[in-house]
Amino acid sequence: MLTRLGKFEIVRLLAQGSMGEVYVGRDPIIGREVAIKVIHPSAGMGPEARERFAMEARAAGVLNHPNIVTIHEMGEEQGVLYLAMELVKGEDLGTLIRAGTITPQDALEVLAQVCDGLAVAHRQKVLHRDIKPSNIRVVWDGKNLQAKVLDFGVAKVFNSDATDEGTVFGTVNYMAPEYLQSGRSDPRSDLFAVGVILFEALAGVPPFDGPSPGAVIYRLLHETPPLLSQQACRGISRDVQGILNRALGKDPANRFQTAEELAAVLRSAKDPAWRWDQERPTQAHQVRRPAPGRVPAPPTPPRGLPILRPPASRLEAPPAARESGRETPRSTDGSQGRAEVRRDVLETTRRQLTQALEIDPGNAGAHALLLVTLYRLGQLDAMMQCLRRARDRGLPASTLRGVPRCAQLVIDEERAYRLPLELHQEFMSYLGA
């Protein structure tokens, strides 16, 4: 284990990956603890990869904002590249989403702060290009929360002379369609990723998820985002669905054009009474309340929302994706994208929930989450067995639907018909509202 890098003493290992590690370091002169990202020579970084690492320091080093992690120093010692940055406590947003411990209002505030940080970066001509939950750190001080955007490791100074135009970096689930198709991105590509995270934070799953990178890419390019369940929007404006529809537009011209604009509507949507006048985006911060005694109209579904009825073989990438010849871009560490990793996470979750139900068979929350996990894994027979066990144990369907992720599952199955018709009818007769 390393004991020192530059002026920093190595305190402990914080995280480990395929290309290196992240350590907690200490500046002995002022006593400050820092996070030190280390890339080892064994990672086989060529000149281009080393230049991207240097770009991380140059790109993030010019950014000074409370919602962006501060870069302190970059160096190289005995062939080891390192980057010393602000050590941020708290939890990453991905952990909070998986645990189901972040409220819709807090999710909106976290992502509004992410947009505050991105606004500064974009004004400095810096793109992040890998906005995802694990790159967002959330810190609570008991009353308030603060979000920090981490890892500008694949950031590119746009309009620069860099030679990687047309090369795709990042994580598949959060990539904008234009970035997947051409390798070119602009600030609106970062904002698309914020929209993906917003849906995931509210529904518990990404809007364009799938069992393989090819399936994810196809859905990102061709499918509209699902509708959120009412439970997913509890305590916030119903117009958050409209925000998502715009943020996840396939054409960048139809999305939010600036991070400031998106931040404003995200904060406004924290008020359940707020209604979004899309014809006047500059007034997004204003609240329009319904007249006394008037019942607000239900939200209007997006136009052209397809009713998908794919065959049971949906678990494979759709034919159009296979025939197009598009494959998931490989990241610089050789992995094939987040979709592969997510399956490992789902399998772990399945085992943990199964064990929890062995201890407490009447745990409605565990039943609901296991239903969702099995559905996402494509283990549809096992999911129906779980559903029948819940029904046999007298667990009310309303209690299961009270778990936002399960409520979203009902909406997804109602649209997608992944289950064979007979099982679909059984599923909907029990869990359908």
Protein backbone atom coordinates (compact mmCIF):
# COMPACT_ATOMS: atom_id res chain seq x y z
CA MET A 1 0.00 0.00 0.00
CA LEU A 2 1.17 3.51 -0.76
CA THR A 3 2.26 5.59 2.23
CA ARG A 4 2.86 8.93 0.55
CA LEU A 5 2.18 10.80 -2.71
CA GLY A 6 3.77 14.19 -3.18
CA LYS A 7 3.24 16.14 0.02
CA PHE A 8 0.26 14.00 1.06
CA GLU A 9 0.40 11.21 3.63
CA ILE A 10 -1.84 8.24 2.76
CA VAL A 11 -4.27 7.56 5.62
CA ARG A 12 -6.49 4.74 4.33
CA LEU A 13 -8.00 3.17 1.24
CA LEU A 14 -11.41 4.63 0.36
CA ALA A 15 -12.37 2.80 -2.84
CA GLN A 16 -10.82 0.51 -5.43
CA GLY A 17 -11.44 0.08 -9.15
CA SER A 18 -9.94 -1.62 -12.17
CA MET A 19 -7.59 1.27 -12.99
CA GLY A 20 -6.55 2.39 -9.53
CA GLU A 21 -7.75 3.43 -6.12
CA VAL A 22 -9.06 6.37 -4.17
CA TYR A 23 -7.35 7.07 -0.84
CA VAL A 24 -7.92 9.39 2.05
CA GLY A 25 -4.80 11.52 2.28
CA ARG A 26 -3.59 14.17 4.68
CA ASP A 27 -1.75 17.38 4.03
CA PRO A 28 0.76 17.46 6.93
CA ILE A 29 1.34 21.19 6.58
CA ILE A 30 -2.22 22.34 7.25
CA GLY A 31 -3.72 19.07 8.54
CA ARG A 32 -6.42 18.91 5.86
CA GLU A 33 -7.75 15.54 4.70
CA VAL A 34 -8.24 15.07 0.97
CA ALA A 35 -9.40 12.37 -1.42
CA ILE A 36 -6.61 11.17 -3.71
CA LYS A 37 -7.47 9.43 -6.96
CA VAL A 38 -4.59 7.21 -8.09
CA ILE A 39 -4.01 5.65 -11.52
CA HIS A 40 -1.39 2.89 -11.52
CA PRO A 41 1.03 2.16 -14.39
CA SER A 42 -0.44 -1.36 -14.54
CA ALA A 43 -3.66 0.19 -15.85
CA GLY A 44 -1.88 0.54 -19.17
CA MET A 45 -2.79 4.16 -19.73
CA GLY A 46 -1.46 5.37 -23.05
CA PRO A 47 -0.77 8.98 -23.95
CA GLU A 48 -4.42 9.72 -24.72
CA ALA A 49 -5.67 8.29 -21.42
CA ARG A 50 -3.00 10.19 -19.49
CA GLU A 51 -4.01 13.36 -21.26
CA ARG A 52 -7.65 12.76 -20.26
CA PHE A 53 -6.54 12.36 -16.67
CA ALA A 54 -4.67 15.67 -16.92
CA MET A 55 -7.77 17.19 -18.52
CA GLU A 56 -9.76 16.26 -15.40
CA ALA A 57 -7.49 18.43 -13.32
CA ARG A 58 -7.46 21.30 -15.79
CA ALA A 59 -11.22 21.21 -16.35
CA ALA A 60 -12.31 20.89 -12.74
CA GLY A 61 -9.45 23.01 -11.40
CA VAL A 62 -10.90 26.17 -12.95
CA LEU A 63 -14.32 25.57 -11.39
CA ASN A 64 -15.08 27.17 -8.06
CA HIS A 65 -18.58 26.50 -6.76
CA PRO A 66 -20.16 25.00 -3.61
CA ASN A 67 -21.78 22.24 -5.70
CA ILE A 68 -18.59 21.13 -7.47
CA VAL A 69 -15.82 19.18 -5.77
CA THR A 70 -12.65 21.26 -5.42
CA ILE A 71 -9.44 20.04 -7.07
CA HIS A 72 -6.35 20.81 -4.99
CA GLU A 73 -3.43 19.31 -6.86
CA MET A 74 -2.35 16.95 -9.62
CA GLY A 75 0.97 15.16 -9.84
CA GLU A 76 2.95 12.13 -10.86
CA GLU A 77 5.35 10.18 -8.68
CA GLN A 78 7.27 7.05 -9.71
CA GLY A 79 4.95 6.55 -12.65
CA VAL A 80 1.81 6.90 -10.52
CA LEU A 81 -0.62 9.65 -11.54
CA TYR A 82 -2.62 11.17 -8.72
CA LEU A 83 -5.26 13.83 -8.26
CA ALA A 84 -5.90 15.35 -4.83
CA MET A 85 -9.35 16.79 -4.31
CA GLU A 86 -11.81 17.85 -1.65
CA LEU A 87 -12.87 14.97 0.59
CA VAL A 88 -16.67 14.96 0.61
CA LYS A 89 -18.48 13.12 3.38
CA GLY A 90 -22.09 11.92 3.11
CA GLU A 91 -23.51 9.36 0.67
CA ASP A 92 -23.60 9.17 -3.08
CA LEU A 93 -27.02 9.67 -4.64
CA GLY A 94 -27.01 6.16 -6.12
CA THR A 95 -26.83 4.64 -2.63
CA LEU A 96 -29.72 6.81 -1.44
CA ILE A 97 -31.86 5.86 -4.45
CA ARG A 98 -31.22 2.13 -4.00
CA ALA A 99 -32.03 2.38 -0.30
CA GLY A 100 -35.21 4.36 -1.03
CA THR A 101 -34.26 6.93 1.62
CA ILE A 102 -34.39 10.13 -0.44
CA THR A 103 -37.72 11.95 -0.59
CA PRO A 104 -39.07 13.42 -3.84
CA GLN A 105 -38.60 16.97 -2.51
CA ASP A 106 -35.00 16.26 -1.53
CA ALA A 107 -34.33 14.65 -4.91
CA LEU A 108 -35.54 17.82 -6.64
CA GLU A 109 -33.31 19.99 -4.45
CA VAL A 110 -30.27 17.76 -4.96
CA LEU A 111 -30.64 17.89 -8.73
CA ALA A 112 -31.33 21.63 -8.69
CA GLN A 113 -27.99 22.03 -6.91
CA VAL A 114 -26.35 19.76 -9.48
CA CYS A 115 -27.69 22.13 -12.14
CA ASP A 116 -26.27 25.09 -10.19
CA GLY A 117 -22.85 23.49 -10.41
CA LEU A 118 -23.27 22.53 -14.06
CA ALA A 119 -24.29 26.10 -14.90
CA VAL A 120 -20.90 27.33 -13.67
CA ALA A 121 -19.07 24.57 -15.55
CA HIS A 122 -20.95 25.27 -18.77
CA ARG A 123 -20.17 28.98 -18.53
CA GLN A 124 -16.50 27.99 -18.32
CA LYS A 125 -16.95 25.87 -21.47
CA VAL A 126 -16.62 22.62 -19.51
CA LEU A 127 -18.88 19.60 -20.02
CA HIS A 128 -19.08 16.81 -17.47
CA ARG A 129 -20.20 14.01 -19.84
CA ASP A 130 -20.68 11.44 -17.07
CA ILE A 131 -23.41 12.81 -14.81
CA LYS A 132 -24.85 9.82 -12.89
CA PRO A 133 -25.97 9.11 -9.31
CA SER A 134 -22.59 7.75 -8.21
CA ASN A 135 -20.96 11.03 -9.27
CA ILE A 136 -23.25 13.08 -7.03
CA ARG A 137 -22.44 13.25 -3.33
CA VAL A 138 -25.13 14.33 -0.86
CA VAL A 139 -24.28 15.76 2.56
CA TRP A 140 -26.80 16.57 5.31
CA ASP A 141 -26.01 18.85 8.24
CA GLY A 142 -29.18 17.92 10.10
CA LYS A 143 -31.43 20.50 8.46
CA ASN A 144 -30.07 21.30 5.03
CA LEU A 145 -28.52 19.23 2.29
CA GLN A 146 -25.71 19.98 -0.11
CA ALA A 147 -24.96 18.19 -3.36
CA LYS A 148 -21.49 17.97 -4.86
CA VAL A 149 -20.73 16.98 -8.45
CA LEU A 150 -17.71 14.67 -8.54
CA ASP A 151 -15.37 13.34 -11.17
CA PHE A 152 -14.94 15.46 -14.23
CA GLY A 153 -12.76 12.57 -15.37
CA VAL A 154 -14.31 12.37 -18.82
CA ALA A 155 -15.00 16.08 -19.07
CA LYS A 156 -14.09 17.86 -22.25
CA VAL A 157 -13.49 21.53 -22.72
CA PHE A 158 -15.83 22.05 -25.65
CA ASN A 159 -14.62 24.09 -28.61
CA SER A 160 -11.10 22.94 -27.71
CA ASP A 161 -8.55 21.28 -29.98
CA ALA A 162 -8.92 17.88 -28.30
CA THR A 163 -8.78 14.95 -30.71
CA ASP A 164 -11.50 12.77 -29.18
CA GLU A 165 -14.42 14.24 -31.12
CA GLY A 166 -16.71 11.38 -32.06
CA THR A 167 -15.45 9.17 -29.22
CA VAL A 168 -18.01 8.30 -26.52
CA PHE A 169 -17.16 8.25 -22.83
CA GLY A 170 -19.51 7.90 -19.89
CA THR A 171 -22.20 5.50 -18.64
CA VAL A 172 -24.81 4.10 -21.01
CA ASN A 173 -28.02 4.65 -19.01
CA TYR A 174 -27.40 8.40 -18.71
CA MET A 175 -26.14 9.19 -22.23
CA ALA A 176 -28.08 11.60 -24.42
CA PRO A 177 -29.26 10.24 -27.80
CA GLU A 178 -27.14 12.67 -29.84
CA TYR A 179 -24.07 11.66 -27.83
CA LEU A 180 -24.69 7.97 -28.45
CA GLN A 181 -25.20 8.54 -32.16
CA SER A 182 -22.33 10.90 -32.94
CA GLY A 183 -20.03 11.18 -29.91
CA ARG A 184 -20.76 14.93 -29.93
CA SER A 185 -22.28 16.61 -26.91
CA ASP A 186 -23.10 20.04 -25.55
CA PRO A 187 -24.50 21.35 -22.25
CA ARG A 188 -27.95 19.95 -23.08
CA SER A 189 -26.43 16.45 -23.04
CA ASP A 190 -25.49 16.92 -19.38
CA LEU A 191 -29.05 18.13 -18.70
CA PHE A 192 -30.49 14.99 -20.33
CA ALA A 193 -28.54 12.96 -17.76
CA VAL A 194 -30.07 15.08 -14.98
CA GLY A 195 -33.51 14.17 -16.34
CA VAL A 196 -32.64 10.46 -16.29
CA ILE A 197 -31.50 10.74 -12.68
CA LEU A 198 -34.66 12.64 -11.70
CA PHE A 199 -36.84 9.82 -13.05
CA GLU A 200 -34.66 7.22 -11.30
CA ALA A 201 -34.77 9.10 -8.00
CA LEU A 202 -38.58 9.26 -8.10
CA ALA A 203 -39.38 5.83 -9.58
CA GLY A 204 -36.44 3.82 -8.23
CA VAL A 205 -35.35 2.66 -11.70
CA PRO A 206 -33.91 4.50 -14.73
CA PRO A 207 -36.44 5.37 -17.46
CA PHE A 208 -34.48 3.52 -20.14
CA ASP A 209 -33.24 0.46 -18.28
CA GLY A 210 -32.58 -2.95 -19.76
CA PRO A 211 -30.82 -6.29 -19.28
CA SER A 212 -28.05 -5.45 -21.76
CA PRO A 213 -26.28 -2.33 -23.05
CA GLY A 214 -27.82 -2.90 -26.48
CA ALA A 215 -31.34 -2.85 -25.05
CA VAL A 216 -30.59 0.31 -23.08
CA ILE A 217 -29.21 2.08 -26.15
CA TYR A 218 -32.24 1.11 -28.25
CA ARG A 219 -34.64 2.50 -25.64
CA LEU A 220 -32.64 5.69 -25.22
CA LEU A 221 -32.79 6.31 -28.95
CA HIS A 222 -36.36 5.24 -29.70
CA GLU A 223 -38.64 5.05 -26.66
CA THR A 224 -40.41 7.77 -24.71
CA PRO A 225 -40.02 7.80 -20.91
CA PRO A 226 -42.69 5.93 -18.91
CA LEU A 227 -45.28 7.80 -16.89
CA LEU A 228 -44.57 8.20 -13.19
CA SER A 229 -46.95 6.73 -10.66
CA GLN A 230 -48.84 8.99 -8.26
CA GLN A 231 -46.88 7.53 -5.35
CA ALA A 232 -43.60 8.50 -7.02
CA CYS A 233 -44.75 12.14 -7.07
CA ARG A 234 -46.06 12.31 -3.52
CA GLY A 235 -45.56 15.70 -1.90
CA ILE A 236 -44.38 17.46 -5.09
CA SER A 237 -46.00 19.09 -8.11
CA ARG A 238 -47.81 16.79 -10.51
CA ASP A 239 -46.17 18.78 -13.31
CA VAL A 240 -42.87 17.03 -12.65
CA GLN A 241 -43.98 14.64 -15.42
CA GLY A 242 -43.92 17.54 -17.86
CA ILE A 243 -40.45 18.51 -16.64
CA LEU A 244 -39.27 14.98 -17.33
CA ASN A 245 -40.84 14.92 -20.79
CA ARG A 246 -38.91 18.04 -21.75
CA ALA A 247 -35.65 17.08 -20.03
CA LEU A 248 -35.66 13.70 -21.80
CA GLY A 249 -36.47 14.99 -25.27
CA LYS A 250 -34.67 13.10 -28.05
CA ASP A 251 -33.93 16.36 -29.87
CA PRO A 252 -31.70 18.70 -27.84
CA ALA A 253 -33.63 21.68 -29.25
CA ASN A 254 -36.74 20.47 -27.40
CA ARG A 255 -35.03 20.18 -24.01
CA PHE A 256 -34.15 22.74 -21.39
CA GLN A 257 -31.49 24.90 -22.98
CA THR A 258 -29.59 25.94 -19.87
CA ALA A 259 -28.85 24.46 -16.46
CA GLU A 260 -30.23 27.64 -14.85
CA GLU A 261 -33.61 27.07 -16.49
CA LEU A 262 -33.80 23.45 -15.34
CA ALA A 263 -32.70 24.36 -11.80
CA ALA A 264 -35.51 26.91 -11.56
CA VAL A 265 -38.31 24.49 -12.49
CA LEU A 266 -36.89 21.72 -10.28
CA ARG A 267 -37.03 24.01 -7.25
CA SER A 268 -40.51 25.21 -8.18
CA ALA A 269 -41.76 21.63 -8.46
CA LYS A 270 -41.03 21.10 -4.75
CA ASP A 271 -44.32 22.95 -4.13
CA PRO A 272 -47.27 20.56 -4.71
CA ALA A 273 -49.44 23.52 -5.80
CA TRP A 274 -47.04 24.72 -8.50
CA ARG A 275 -48.25 24.46 -12.08
CA TRP A 276 -45.83 24.80 -14.95
CA ASP A 277 -46.71 27.26 -17.69
CA GLN A 278 -44.55 25.80 -20.44
CA GLU A 279 -45.28 28.72 -22.72
CA ARG A 280 -43.47 31.02 -20.29
CA PRO A 281 -40.30 29.14 -19.21
CA THR A 282 -38.71 32.30 -17.80
CA GLN A 283 -41.50 32.41 -15.20
CA ALA A 284 -40.82 28.86 -14.00
CA HIS A 285 -40.22 30.07 -10.45
CA GLN A 286 -43.74 31.46 -10.12
CA VAL A 287 -46.49 29.37 -8.55
CA ARG A 288 -49.93 29.29 -10.16
CA ARG A 289 -52.46 27.96 -7.66
CA PRO A 290 -55.87 26.60 -8.64
CA ALA A 291 -58.86 28.83 -7.96
CA PRO A 292 -60.67 28.19 -4.65
CA GLY A 293 -63.10 25.32 -4.92
CA ARG A 294 -61.77 24.22 -8.29
CA VAL A 295 -60.39 20.73 -8.63
CA PRO A 296 -57.18 20.66 -10.73
CA ALA A 297 -57.39 18.65 -13.92
CA PRO A 298 -55.37 15.42 -13.99
CA PRO A 299 -51.98 15.56 -15.71
CA THR A 300 -52.07 15.13 -19.47
CA PRO A 301 -49.98 12.20 -20.76
CA PRO A 302 -47.36 13.11 -23.34
CA ARG A 303 -48.55 12.98 -26.92
CA GLY A 304 -47.62 9.99 -28.97
CA LEU A 305 -46.91 7.74 -25.98
CA PRO A 306 -46.59 4.26 -27.48
CA ILE A 307 -48.36 1.23 -26.05
CA LEU A 308 -45.69 -1.41 -26.28
CA ARG A 309 -46.66 -5.08 -26.44
CA PRO A 310 -43.39 -6.87 -27.07
CA PRO A 311 -43.04 -10.64 -26.99
CA ALA A 312 -41.72 -12.54 -23.99
CA SER A 313 -38.24 -12.40 -25.56
CA ARG A 314 -38.02 -8.70 -24.71
CA LEU A 315 -35.10 -9.48 -22.47
CA GLU A 316 -32.86 -9.42 -25.53
CA ALA A 317 -31.96 -6.26 -27.39
CA PRO A 318 -34.72 -5.34 -29.88
CA PRO A 319 -34.06 -6.39 -33.50
CA ALA A 320 -33.62 -2.82 -34.67
CA ALA A 321 -30.80 -2.36 -32.20
CA ARG A 322 -29.09 -5.58 -33.28
CA GLU A 323 -29.50 -4.87 -36.98
CA SER A 324 -28.15 -1.34 -36.68
CA GLY A 325 -24.75 -2.68 -35.70
CA ARG A 326 -24.57 -0.26 -32.77
CA GLU A 327 -22.80 -1.66 -29.75
CA THR A 328 -22.34 -0.23 -26.32
CA PRO A 329 -19.26 1.99 -26.20
CA ARG A 330 -16.61 0.55 -23.96
CA SER A 331 -15.32 2.66 -21.14
CA THR A 332 -11.64 3.30 -20.72
CA ASP A 333 -11.35 0.61 -18.06
CA GLY A 334 -12.70 -2.10 -20.38
CA SER A 335 -16.13 -2.43 -18.82
CA GLN A 336 -19.19 -2.54 -21.05
CA GLY A 337 -21.41 -0.02 -19.35
CA ARG A 338 -23.68 0.32 -16.39
CA ALA A 339 -26.30 -2.16 -17.57
CA GLU A 340 -23.92 -5.07 -16.94
CA VAL A 341 -23.11 -3.82 -13.44
CA ARG A 342 -26.77 -3.25 -12.62
CA ARG A 343 -27.55 -6.95 -13.13
CA ASP A 344 -25.00 -7.84 -10.45
CA VAL A 345 -26.63 -5.29 -8.14
CA LEU A 346 -30.07 -6.74 -8.87
CA GLU A 347 -28.91 -10.30 -8.11
CA THR A 348 -27.47 -9.15 -4.80
CA THR A 349 -30.70 -7.32 -4.00
CA ARG A 350 -32.74 -10.42 -4.85
CA ARG A 351 -30.71 -12.57 -2.45
CA GLN A 352 -30.99 -10.01 0.36
CA LEU A 353 -34.76 -9.63 -0.05
CA THR A 354 -35.26 -13.41 -0.21
CA GLN A 355 -33.34 -13.77 3.04
CA ALA A 356 -35.40 -10.98 4.62
CA LEU A 357 -38.64 -12.76 3.71
CA GLU A 358 -37.38 -16.02 5.19
CA ILE A 359 -37.03 -14.17 8.50
CA ASP A 360 -40.22 -12.10 8.19
CA PRO A 361 -42.64 -13.64 5.62
CA GLY A 362 -45.21 -10.88 6.20
CA ASN A 363 -42.88 -8.01 5.30
CA ALA A 364 -44.94 -6.19 2.64
CA GLY A 365 -42.11 -3.83 1.71
CA ALA A 366 -39.73 -6.71 1.02
CA HIS A 367 -42.39 -8.48 -1.05
CA ALA A 368 -42.96 -5.34 -3.13
CA LEU A 369 -39.25 -4.75 -3.75
CA LEU A 370 -38.67 -8.42 -4.58
CA LEU A 371 -41.46 -8.23 -7.19
CA VAL A 372 -39.71 -5.27 -8.80
CA THR A 373 -36.28 -6.91 -8.68
CA LEU A 374 -37.46 -10.18 -10.24
CA TYR A 375 -39.33 -8.28 -12.95
CA ARG A 376 -36.23 -6.29 -13.86
CA LEU A 377 -34.13 -9.45 -13.91
CA GLY A 378 -36.61 -11.03 -16.31
CA GLN A 379 -37.39 -13.84 -13.84
CA LEU A 380 -41.10 -13.52 -14.55
CA ASP A 381 -42.18 -16.96 -13.26
CA ALA A 382 -40.40 -16.29 -9.97
CA MET A 383 -42.04 -12.88 -9.82
CA MET A 384 -45.51 -14.41 -10.18
CA GLN A 385 -44.70 -16.95 -7.46
CA CYS A 386 -43.70 -14.06 -5.20
CA LEU A 387 -46.96 -12.28 -6.08
CA ARG A 388 -49.03 -15.35 -5.22
CA ARG A 389 -47.21 -15.81 -1.90
CA ALA A 390 -48.00 -12.21 -0.98
CA ARG A 391 -51.65 -12.74 -1.92
CA ASP A 392 -51.85 -16.03 0.02
CA ARG A 393 -50.42 -14.32 3.10
CA GLY A 394 -53.17 -11.72 2.95
CA LEU A 395 -50.95 -8.76 2.10
CA PRO A 396 -53.21 -6.02 0.69
CA ALA A 397 -52.43 -4.95 -2.86
CA SER A 398 -52.74 -1.32 -1.72
CA THR A 399 -49.90 -1.88 0.75
CA LEU A 400 -47.65 -3.29 -1.97
CA ARG A 401 -48.54 -0.42 -4.32
CA GLY A 402 -47.71 1.96 -1.49
CA VAL A 403 -44.05 1.23 -2.24
CA PRO A 404 -43.26 3.69 -5.08
CA ARG A 405 -41.13 1.22 -7.03
CA CYS A 406 -43.93 -1.34 -7.01
CA ALA A 407 -46.44 1.29 -8.10
CA GLN A 408 -44.14 2.11 -10.99
CA LEU A 409 -43.89 -1.60 -11.83
CA VAL A 410 -47.67 -1.73 -12.29
CA ILE A 411 -47.53 1.18 -14.73
CA ASP A 412 -44.61 -0.38 -16.62
CA GLU A 413 -46.39 -3.74 -17.02
CA GLU A 414 -49.62 -2.05 -18.03
CA ARG A 415 -47.73 -0.37 -20.88
CA ALA A 416 -45.21 -3.04 -21.83
CA TYR A 417 -47.02 -6.40 -21.42
CA ARG A 418 -43.84 -8.31 -20.65
CA LEU A 419 -45.91 -11.03 -19.01
CA PRO A 420 -47.84 -13.53 -21.12
CA LEU A 421 -51.49 -12.49 -21.42
CA GLU A 422 -52.86 -14.88 -18.77
CA LEU A 423 -50.20 -13.90 -16.24
CA HIS A 424 -50.59 -10.23 -17.15
CA GLN A 425 -54.29 -10.41 -16.35
CA GLU A 426 -53.60 -12.16 -13.04
CA PHE A 427 -50.96 -9.56 -12.18
CA MET A 428 -53.21 -6.60 -13.04
CA SER A 429 -56.29 -8.05 -11.31
CA TYR A 430 -54.35 -8.16 -8.03
CA LEU A 431 -52.08 -5.14 -8.21
CA GLY A 432 -53.89 -2.91 -10.72
CA ALA A 433 -55.51 0.07 -9.05
